[in-house]
Amino acid sequence: MYKTTVKIDGMMCSMCEAHVNDAVRKKLTVKKVTSSHKKGETVIISEGEITKQELSGVIDETGYKVISVTSEPYEKKGLFGRR
């Protein structure tokens, strides 16, 4: 699993967050996606890596601009996660 953090320019409110989240869910295979207009970022949890080109294509269609993309291996933590 991978955690991808996307810095996005243009999100101003919770409706912007929802718009980005919906676009990502519709176009990419993801486990979880959350956005924050205050932080100006979207965090995606997915089985495989997502490229900057894929993300830019999806997010640019919504009218927002991708500033940067970082990806790192992700291991679920918590009650049922591995130790």
PDB file of N, CA and C in Angstrom:
ATOM      1  N   MET A   1       0.847  -1.173   0.000  1.00  0.00           N
ATOM      2  CA  MET A   1       0.000   0.000   0.000  1.00  0.00           C
ATOM      3  C   MET A   1       0.895   1.239   0.000  1.00  0.00           C
ATOM      4  N   TYR A   2       0.334   2.310  -0.577  1.00  0.00           N
ATOM      5  CA  TYR A   2       1.073   3.567  -0.693  1.00  0.00           C
ATOM      6  C   TYR A   2       0.244   4.732  -0.187  1.00  0.00           C
ATOM      7  N   LYS A   3       0.940   5.685   0.406  1.00  0.00           N
ATOM      8  CA  LYS A   3       0.323   6.947   0.826  1.00  0.00           C
ATOM      9  C   LYS A   3       0.895   8.023  -0.089  1.00  0.00           C
ATOM     10  N   THR A   4       0.005   8.665  -0.830  1.00  0.00           N
ATOM     11  CA  THR A   4       0.418   9.711  -1.761  1.00  0.00           C
ATOM     12  C   THR A   4      -0.154  11.034  -1.280  1.00  0.00           C
ATOM     13  N   THR A   5       0.713  12.022  -1.101  1.00  0.00           N
ATOM     14  CA  THR A   5       0.290  13.350  -0.676  1.00  0.00           C
ATOM     15  C   THR A   5       0.447  14.299  -1.853  1.00  0.00           C
ATOM     16  N   VAL A   6      -0.662  14.965  -2.185  1.00  0.00           N
ATOM     17  CA  VAL A   6      -0.681  15.862  -3.334  1.00  0.00           C
ATOM     18  C   VAL A   6      -0.936  17.282  -2.839  1.00  0.00           C
ATOM     19  N   LYS A   7      -0.002  18.181  -3.095  1.00  0.00           N
ATOM     20  CA  LYS A   7      -0.208  19.600  -2.784  1.00  0.00           C
ATOM     21  C   LYS A   7      -0.987  20.205  -3.944  1.00  0.00           C
ATOM     22  N   ILE A   8      -2.101  20.867  -3.616  1.00  0.00           N
ATOM     23  CA  ILE A   8      -3.011  21.379  -4.644  1.00  0.00           C
ATOM     24  C   ILE A   8      -3.262  22.869  -4.420  1.00  0.00           C
ATOM     25  N   ASP A   9      -3.229  23.624  -5.506  1.00  0.00           N
ATOM     26  CA  ASP A   9      -3.516  25.051  -5.459  1.00  0.00           C
ATOM     27  C   ASP A   9      -4.945  25.291  -5.931  1.00  0.00           C
ATOM     28  N   GLY A  10      -5.690  26.084  -5.177  1.00  0.00           N
ATOM     29  CA  GLY A  10      -7.022  26.489  -5.618  1.00  0.00           C
ATOM     30  C   GLY A  10      -8.182  26.028  -4.761  1.00  0.00           C
ATOM     31  N   MET A  11      -7.957  25.085  -3.842  1.00  0.00           N
ATOM     32  CA  MET A  11      -9.065  24.648  -2.983  1.00  0.00           C
ATOM     33  C   MET A  11      -9.342  25.723  -1.931  1.00  0.00           C
ATOM     34  N   MET A  12     -10.600  26.163  -1.856  1.00  0.00           N
ATOM     35  CA  MET A  12     -10.948  27.248  -0.941  1.00  0.00           C
ATOM     36  C   MET A  12     -11.949  26.862   0.152  1.00  0.00           C
ATOM     37  N   CYS A  13     -12.653  25.720  -0.016  1.00  0.00           N
ATOM     38  CA  CYS A  13     -13.713  25.374   0.933  1.00  0.00           C
ATOM     39  C   CYS A  13     -13.945  23.867   0.947  1.00  0.00           C
ATOM     40  N   SER A  14     -14.886  23.424   1.762  1.00  0.00           N
ATOM     41  CA  SER A  14     -15.168  21.995   1.868  1.00  0.00           C
ATOM     42  C   SER A  14     -15.777  21.437   0.579  1.00  0.00           C
ATOM     43  N   MET A  15     -16.476  22.262  -0.190  1.00  0.00           N
ATOM     44  CA  MET A  15     -17.015  21.800  -1.473  1.00  0.00           C
ATOM     45  C   MET A  15     -15.872  21.539  -2.462  1.00  0.00           C
ATOM     46  N   CYS A  16     -14.819  22.332  -2.393  1.00  0.00           N
ATOM     47  CA  CYS A  16     -13.632  22.095  -3.228  1.00  0.00           C
ATOM     48  C   CYS A  16     -13.019  20.743  -2.866  1.00  0.00           C
ATOM     49  N   GLU A  17     -12.919  20.463  -1.570  1.00  0.00           N
ATOM     50  CA  GLU A  17     -12.384  19.184  -1.106  1.00  0.00           C
ATOM     51  C   GLU A  17     -13.211  18.028  -1.673  1.00  0.00           C
ATOM     52  N   ALA A  18     -14.530  18.147  -1.575  1.00  0.00           N
ATOM     53  CA  ALA A  18     -15.432  17.099  -2.061  1.00  0.00           C
ATOM     54  C   ALA A  18     -15.284  16.909  -3.571  1.00  0.00           C
ATOM     55  N   HIS A  19     -15.141  18.002  -4.289  1.00  0.00           N
ATOM     56  CA  HIS A  19     -14.978  17.943  -5.739  1.00  0.00           C
ATOM     57  C   HIS A  19     -13.719  17.163  -6.115  1.00  0.00           C
ATOM     58  N   VAL A  20     -12.614  17.460  -5.459  1.00  0.00           N
ATOM     59  CA  VAL A  20     -11.352  16.767  -5.713  1.00  0.00           C
ATOM     60  C   VAL A  20     -11.470  15.288  -5.320  1.00  0.00           C
ATOM     61  N   ASN A  21     -12.026  15.015  -4.133  1.00  0.00           N
ATOM     62  CA  ASN A  21     -12.174  13.631  -3.663  1.00  0.00           C
ATOM     63  C   ASN A  21     -13.008  12.803  -4.639  1.00  0.00           C
ATOM     64  N   ASP A  22     -14.126  13.357  -5.094  1.00  0.00           N
ATOM     65  CA  ASP A  22     -15.002  12.642  -6.033  1.00  0.00           C
ATOM     66  C   ASP A  22     -14.282  12.350  -7.346  1.00  0.00           C
ATOM     67  N   ALA A  23     -13.537  13.315  -7.853  1.00  0.00           N
ATOM     68  CA  ALA A  23     -12.810  13.138  -9.112  1.00  0.00           C
ATOM     69  C   ALA A  23     -11.768  12.035  -8.981  1.00  0.00           C
ATOM     70  N   VAL A  24     -11.046  12.020  -7.870  1.00  0.00           N
ATOM     71  CA  VAL A  24     -10.012  11.003  -7.644  1.00  0.00           C
ATOM     72  C   VAL A  24     -10.657   9.622  -7.539  1.00  0.00           C
ATOM     73  N   ARG A  25     -11.750   9.515  -6.777  1.00  0.00           N
ATOM     74  CA  ARG A  25     -12.432   8.222  -6.615  1.00  0.00           C
ATOM     75  C   ARG A  25     -12.967   7.687  -7.942  1.00  0.00           C
ATOM     76  N   LYS A  26     -13.464   8.566  -8.802  1.00  0.00           N
ATOM     77  CA  LYS A  26     -14.051   8.141 -10.075  1.00  0.00           C
ATOM     78  C   LYS A  26     -13.005   7.678 -11.084  1.00  0.00           C
ATOM     79  N   LYS A  27     -11.837   8.307 -11.080  1.00  0.00           N
ATOM     80  CA  LYS A  27     -10.836   8.049 -12.125  1.00  0.00           C
ATOM     81  C   LYS A  27      -9.705   7.112 -11.715  1.00  0.00           C
ATOM     82  N   LEU A  28      -9.456   6.983 -10.409  1.00  0.00           N
ATOM     83  CA  LEU A  28      -8.334   6.167  -9.941  1.00  0.00           C
ATOM     84  C   LEU A  28      -8.815   5.107  -8.945  1.00  0.00           C
ATOM     85  N   THR A  29      -8.067   4.012  -8.854  1.00  0.00           N
ATOM     86  CA  THR A  29      -8.390   2.964  -7.887  1.00  0.00           C
ATOM     87  C   THR A  29      -7.695   3.298  -6.575  1.00  0.00           C
ATOM     88  N   VAL A  30      -8.507   3.705  -5.589  1.00  0.00           N
ATOM     89  CA  VAL A  30      -7.954   4.105  -4.298  1.00  0.00           C
ATOM     90  C   VAL A  30      -8.716   3.437  -3.164  1.00  0.00           C
ATOM     91  N   LYS A  31      -8.050   3.292  -2.028  1.00  0.00           N
ATOM     92  CA  LYS A  31      -8.681   2.766  -0.824  1.00  0.00           C
ATOM     93  C   LYS A  31      -9.347   3.891  -0.038  1.00  0.00           C
ATOM     94  N   LYS A  32      -8.641   5.054   0.018  1.00  0.00           N
ATOM     95  CA  LYS A  32      -9.133   6.181   0.811  1.00  0.00           C
ATOM     96  C   LYS A  32      -8.577   7.464   0.219  1.00  0.00           C
ATOM     97  N   VAL A  33      -9.383   8.516   0.251  1.00  0.00           N
ATOM     98  CA  VAL A  33      -8.912   9.827  -0.191  1.00  0.00           C
ATOM     99  C   VAL A  33      -9.510  10.888   0.729  1.00  0.00           C
ATOM    100  N   THR A  34      -8.665  11.781   1.220  1.00  0.00           N
ATOM    101  CA  THR A  34      -9.119  12.895   2.053  1.00  0.00           C
ATOM    102  C   THR A  34      -8.402  14.161   1.600  1.00  0.00           C
ATOM    103  N   SER A  35      -9.141  15.263   1.622  1.00  0.00           N
ATOM    104  CA  SER A  35      -8.563  16.553   1.223  1.00  0.00           C
ATOM    105  C   SER A  35      -8.738  17.575   2.319  1.00  0.00           C
ATOM    106  N   SER A  36      -7.850  18.554   2.341  1.00  0.00           N
ATOM    107  CA  SER A  36      -7.930  19.668   3.281  1.00  0.00           C
ATOM    108  C   SER A  36      -7.622  20.962   2.533  1.00  0.00           C
ATOM    109  N   HIS A  37      -8.631  21.835   2.449  1.00  0.00           N
ATOM    110  CA  HIS A  37      -8.376  23.117   1.782  1.00  0.00           C
ATOM    111  C   HIS A  37      -7.478  24.000   2.633  1.00  0.00           C
ATOM    112  N   LYS A  38      -7.516  23.816   3.961  1.00  0.00           N
ATOM    113  CA  LYS A  38      -6.667  24.606   4.852  1.00  0.00           C
ATOM    114  C   LYS A  38      -5.192  24.257   4.655  1.00  0.00           C
ATOM    115  N   LYS A  39      -4.898  22.969   4.487  1.00  0.00           N
ATOM    116  CA  LYS A  39      -3.522  22.534   4.250  1.00  0.00           C
ATOM    117  C   LYS A  39      -3.150  22.610   2.774  1.00  0.00           C
ATOM    118  N   GLY A  40      -4.167  22.674   1.919  1.00  0.00           N
ATOM    119  CA  GLY A  40      -3.913  22.695   0.474  1.00  0.00           C
ATOM    120  C   GLY A  40      -3.390  21.369  -0.038  1.00  0.00           C
ATOM    121  N   GLU A  41      -3.942  20.274   0.530  1.00  0.00           N
ATOM    122  CA  GLU A  41      -3.446  18.970   0.113  1.00  0.00           C
ATOM    123  C   GLU A  41      -4.526  17.901   0.103  1.00  0.00           C
ATOM    124  N   THR A  42      -4.230  16.846  -0.650  1.00  0.00           N
ATOM    125  CA  THR A  42      -5.057  15.656  -0.704  1.00  0.00           C
ATOM    126  C   THR A  42      -4.168  14.468  -0.386  1.00  0.00           C
ATOM    127  N   VAL A  43      -4.651  13.575   0.486  1.00  0.00           N
ATOM    128  CA  VAL A  43      -3.901  12.383   0.856  1.00  0.00           C
ATOM    129  C   VAL A  43      -4.672  11.168   0.338  1.00  0.00           C
ATOM    130  N   ILE A  44      -3.963  10.311  -0.395  1.00  0.00           N
ATOM    131  CA  ILE A  44      -4.575   9.145  -1.023  1.00  0.00           C
ATOM    132  C   ILE A  44      -3.875   7.885  -0.529  1.00  0.00           C
ATOM    133  N   ILE A  45      -4.677   6.903  -0.121  1.00  0.00           N
ATOM    134  CA  ILE A  45      -4.160   5.586   0.230  1.00  0.00           C
ATOM    135  C   ILE A  45      -4.579   4.640  -0.903  1.00  0.00           C
ATOM    136  N   SER A  46      -3.610   3.932  -1.480  1.00  0.00           N
ATOM    137  CA  SER A  46      -3.904   3.051  -2.610  1.00  0.00           C
ATOM    138  C   SER A  46      -3.040   1.794  -2.552  1.00  0.00           C
ATOM    139  N   GLU A  47      -3.475   0.768  -3.283  1.00  0.00           N
ATOM    140  CA  GLU A  47      -2.713  -0.493  -3.351  1.00  0.00           C
ATOM    141  C   GLU A  47      -1.411  -0.296  -4.122  1.00  0.00           C
ATOM    142  N   GLY A  48      -1.469   0.457  -5.215  1.00  0.00           N
ATOM    143  CA  GLY A  48      -0.289   0.682  -6.039  1.00  0.00           C
ATOM    144  C   GLY A  48       0.079   2.152  -6.081  1.00  0.00           C
ATOM    145  N   GLU A  49       1.274   2.424  -6.589  1.00  0.00           N
ATOM    146  CA  GLU A  49       1.705   3.814  -6.714  1.00  0.00           C
ATOM    147  C   GLU A  49       0.885   4.535  -7.773  1.00  0.00           C
ATOM    148  N   ILE A  50       0.645   5.803  -7.543  1.00  0.00           N
ATOM    149  CA  ILE A  50      -0.058   6.653  -8.505  1.00  0.00           C
ATOM    150  C   ILE A  50       0.948   7.705  -8.974  1.00  0.00           C
ATOM    151  N   THR A  51       1.077   7.860 -10.275  1.00  0.00           N
ATOM    152  CA  THR A  51       2.072   8.789 -10.810  1.00  0.00           C
ATOM    153  C   THR A  51       1.562  10.233 -10.769  1.00  0.00           C
ATOM    154  N   LYS A  52       2.511  11.148 -10.825  1.00  0.00           N
ATOM    155  CA  LYS A  52       2.158  12.568 -10.862  1.00  0.00           C
ATOM    156  C   LYS A  52       1.349  12.877 -12.122  1.00  0.00           C
ATOM    157  N   GLN A  53       1.671  12.210 -13.232  1.00  0.00           N
ATOM    158  CA  GLN A  53       0.944  12.435 -14.480  1.00  0.00           C
ATOM    159  C   GLN A  53      -0.521  12.019 -14.337  1.00  0.00           C
ATOM    160  N   GLU A  54      -0.766  10.865 -13.705  1.00  0.00           N
ATOM    161  CA  GLU A  54      -2.146  10.412 -13.488  1.00  0.00           C
ATOM    162  C   GLU A  54      -2.913  11.407 -12.629  1.00  0.00           C
ATOM    163  N   LEU A  55      -2.286  11.828 -11.533  1.00  0.00           N
ATOM    164  CA  LEU A  55      -2.944  12.765 -10.617  1.00  0.00           C
ATOM    165  C   LEU A  55      -3.174  14.121 -11.269  1.00  0.00           C
ATOM    166  N   SER A  56      -2.182  14.612 -11.987  1.00  0.00           N
ATOM    167  CA  SER A  56      -2.332  15.903 -12.662  1.00  0.00           C
ATOM    168  C   SER A  56      -3.479  15.853 -13.660  1.00  0.00           C
ATOM    169  N   GLY A  57      -3.582  14.761 -14.399  1.00  0.00           N
ATOM    170  CA  GLY A  57      -4.655  14.613 -15.378  1.00  0.00           C
ATOM    171  C   GLY A  57      -6.026  14.678 -14.737  1.00  0.00           C
ATOM    172  N   VAL A  58      -6.189  13.984 -13.611  1.00  0.00           N
ATOM    173  CA  VAL A  58      -7.478  13.948 -12.914  1.00  0.00           C
ATOM    174  C   VAL A  58      -7.792  15.291 -12.246  1.00  0.00           C
ATOM    175  N   ILE A  59      -6.831  15.841 -11.541  1.00  0.00           N
ATOM    176  CA  ILE A  59      -7.073  17.061 -10.757  1.00  0.00           C
ATOM    177  C   ILE A  59      -7.156  18.300 -11.643  1.00  0.00           C
ATOM    178  N   ASP A  60      -6.347  18.363 -12.693  1.00  0.00           N
ATOM    179  CA  ASP A  60      -6.418  19.505 -13.610  1.00  0.00           C
ATOM    180  C   ASP A  60      -7.799  19.632 -14.249  1.00  0.00           C
ATOM    181  N   GLU A  61      -8.457  18.494 -14.492  1.00  0.00           N
ATOM    182  CA  GLU A  61      -9.812  18.503 -15.061  1.00  0.00           C
ATOM    183  C   GLU A  61     -10.817  19.191 -14.134  1.00  0.00           C
ATOM    184  N   THR A  62     -10.542  19.201 -12.837  1.00  0.00           N
ATOM    185  CA  THR A  62     -11.458  19.814 -11.865  1.00  0.00           C
ATOM    186  C   THR A  62     -11.248  21.320 -11.741  1.00  0.00           C
ATOM    187  N   GLY A  63     -10.177  21.822 -12.353  1.00  0.00           N
ATOM    188  CA  GLY A  63      -9.912  23.257 -12.281  1.00  0.00           C
ATOM    189  C   GLY A  63      -8.891  23.649 -11.236  1.00  0.00           C
ATOM    190  N   TYR A  64      -8.338  22.665 -10.525  1.00  0.00           N
ATOM    191  CA  TYR A  64      -7.297  22.922  -9.529  1.00  0.00           C
ATOM    192  C   TYR A  64      -5.957  22.540 -10.124  1.00  0.00           C
ATOM    193  N   LYS A  65      -4.874  22.980  -9.470  1.00  0.00           N
ATOM    194  CA  LYS A  65      -3.541  22.740 -10.022  1.00  0.00           C
ATOM    195  C   LYS A  65      -2.688  21.946  -9.040  1.00  0.00           C
ATOM    196  N   VAL A  66      -2.073  20.884  -9.542  1.00  0.00           N
ATOM    197  CA  VAL A  66      -1.161  20.069  -8.737  1.00  0.00           C
ATOM    198  C   VAL A  66       0.170  20.804  -8.628  1.00  0.00           C
ATOM    199  N   ILE A  67       0.622  21.012  -7.389  1.00  0.00           N
ATOM    200  CA  ILE A  67       1.899  21.679  -7.149  1.00  0.00           C
ATOM    201  C   ILE A  67       3.006  20.640  -6.971  1.00  0.00           C
ATOM    202  N   SER A  68       2.739  19.618  -6.153  1.00  0.00           N
ATOM    203  CA  SER A  68       3.735  18.570  -5.938  1.00  0.00           C
ATOM    204  C   SER A  68       3.054  17.272  -5.522  1.00  0.00           C
ATOM    205  N   VAL A  69       3.779  16.175  -5.720  1.00  0.00           N
ATOM    206  CA  VAL A  69       3.287  14.850  -5.352  1.00  0.00           C
ATOM    207  C   VAL A  69       4.409  14.105  -4.648  1.00  0.00           C
ATOM    208  N   THR A  70       4.123  13.551  -3.469  1.00  0.00           N
ATOM    209  CA  THR A  70       5.084  12.693  -2.776  1.00  0.00           C
ATOM    210  C   THR A  70       4.385  11.380  -2.453  1.00  0.00           C
ATOM    211  N   SER A  71       5.149  10.303  -2.550  1.00  0.00           N
ATOM    212  CA  SER A  71       4.588   8.978  -2.305  1.00  0.00           C
ATOM    213  C   SER A  71       5.518   8.205  -1.394  1.00  0.00           C
ATOM    214  N   GLU A  72       4.923   7.427  -0.484  1.00  0.00           N
ATOM    215  CA  GLU A  72       5.720   6.620   0.433  1.00  0.00           C
ATOM    216  C   GLU A  72       4.964   5.334   0.753  1.00  0.00           C
ATOM    217  N   PRO A  73       5.688   4.274   1.106  1.00  0.00           N
ATOM    218  CA  PRO A  73       5.005   3.042   1.511  1.00  0.00           C
ATOM    219  C   PRO A  73       4.130   3.333   2.726  1.00  0.00           C
ATOM    220  N   TYR A  74       2.995   2.652   2.795  1.00  0.00           N
ATOM    221  CA  TYR A  74       2.036   2.893   3.870  1.00  0.00           C
ATOM    222  C   TYR A  74       1.674   1.569   4.512  1.00  0.00           C
ATOM    223  N   GLU A  75       1.733   1.534   5.833  1.00  0.00           N
ATOM    224  CA  GLU A  75       1.297   0.362   6.566  1.00  0.00           C
ATOM    225  C   GLU A  75       0.225   0.800   7.549  1.00  0.00           C
ATOM    226  N   LYS A  76      -0.923   0.181   7.448  1.00  0.00           N
ATOM    227  CA  LYS A  76      -2.039   0.539   8.314  1.00  0.00           C
ATOM    228  C   LYS A  76      -1.667   0.284   9.757  1.00  0.00           C
ATOM    229  N   LYS A  77      -1.959   1.252  10.596  1.00  0.00           N
ATOM    230  CA  LYS A  77      -1.692   1.127  12.028  1.00  0.00           C
ATOM    231  C   LYS A  77      -3.018   0.985  12.750  1.00  0.00           C
ATOM    232  N   GLY A  78      -2.959   0.514  13.956  1.00  0.00           N
ATOM    233  CA  GLY A  78      -4.185   0.419  14.737  1.00  0.00           C
ATOM    234  C   GLY A  78      -4.443  -0.991  15.222  1.00  0.00           C
ATOM    235  N   LEU A  79      -5.660  -1.219  15.638  1.00  0.00           N
ATOM    236  CA  LEU A  79      -6.051  -2.462  16.264  1.00  0.00           C
ATOM    237  C   LEU A  79      -5.753  -3.691  15.408  1.00  0.00           C
ATOM    238  N   PHE A  80      -6.045  -3.599  14.102  1.00  0.00           N
ATOM    239  CA  PHE A  80      -5.883  -4.750  13.232  1.00  0.00           C
ATOM    240  C   PHE A  80      -4.645  -4.672  12.340  1.00  0.00           C
ATOM    241  N   GLY A  81      -3.844  -3.636  12.514  1.00  0.00           N
ATOM    242  CA  GLY A  81      -2.632  -3.489  11.716  1.00  0.00           C
ATOM    243  C   GLY A  81      -1.540  -4.426  12.199  1.00  0.00           C
ATOM    244  N   ARG A  82      -0.529  -4.619  11.366  1.00  0.00           N
ATOM    245  CA  ARG A  82       0.597  -5.477  11.756  1.00  0.00           C
ATOM    246  C   ARG A  82       1.460  -4.761  12.768  1.00  0.00           C
ATOM    247  N   ARG A  83       2.168  -5.547  13.526  1.00  0.00           N
ATOM    248  CA  ARG A  83       3.078  -4.974  14.516  1.00  0.00           C
ATOM    249  C   ARG A  83       4.492  -5.311  14.154  1.00  0.00           C
TER     250      ARG A  83
END
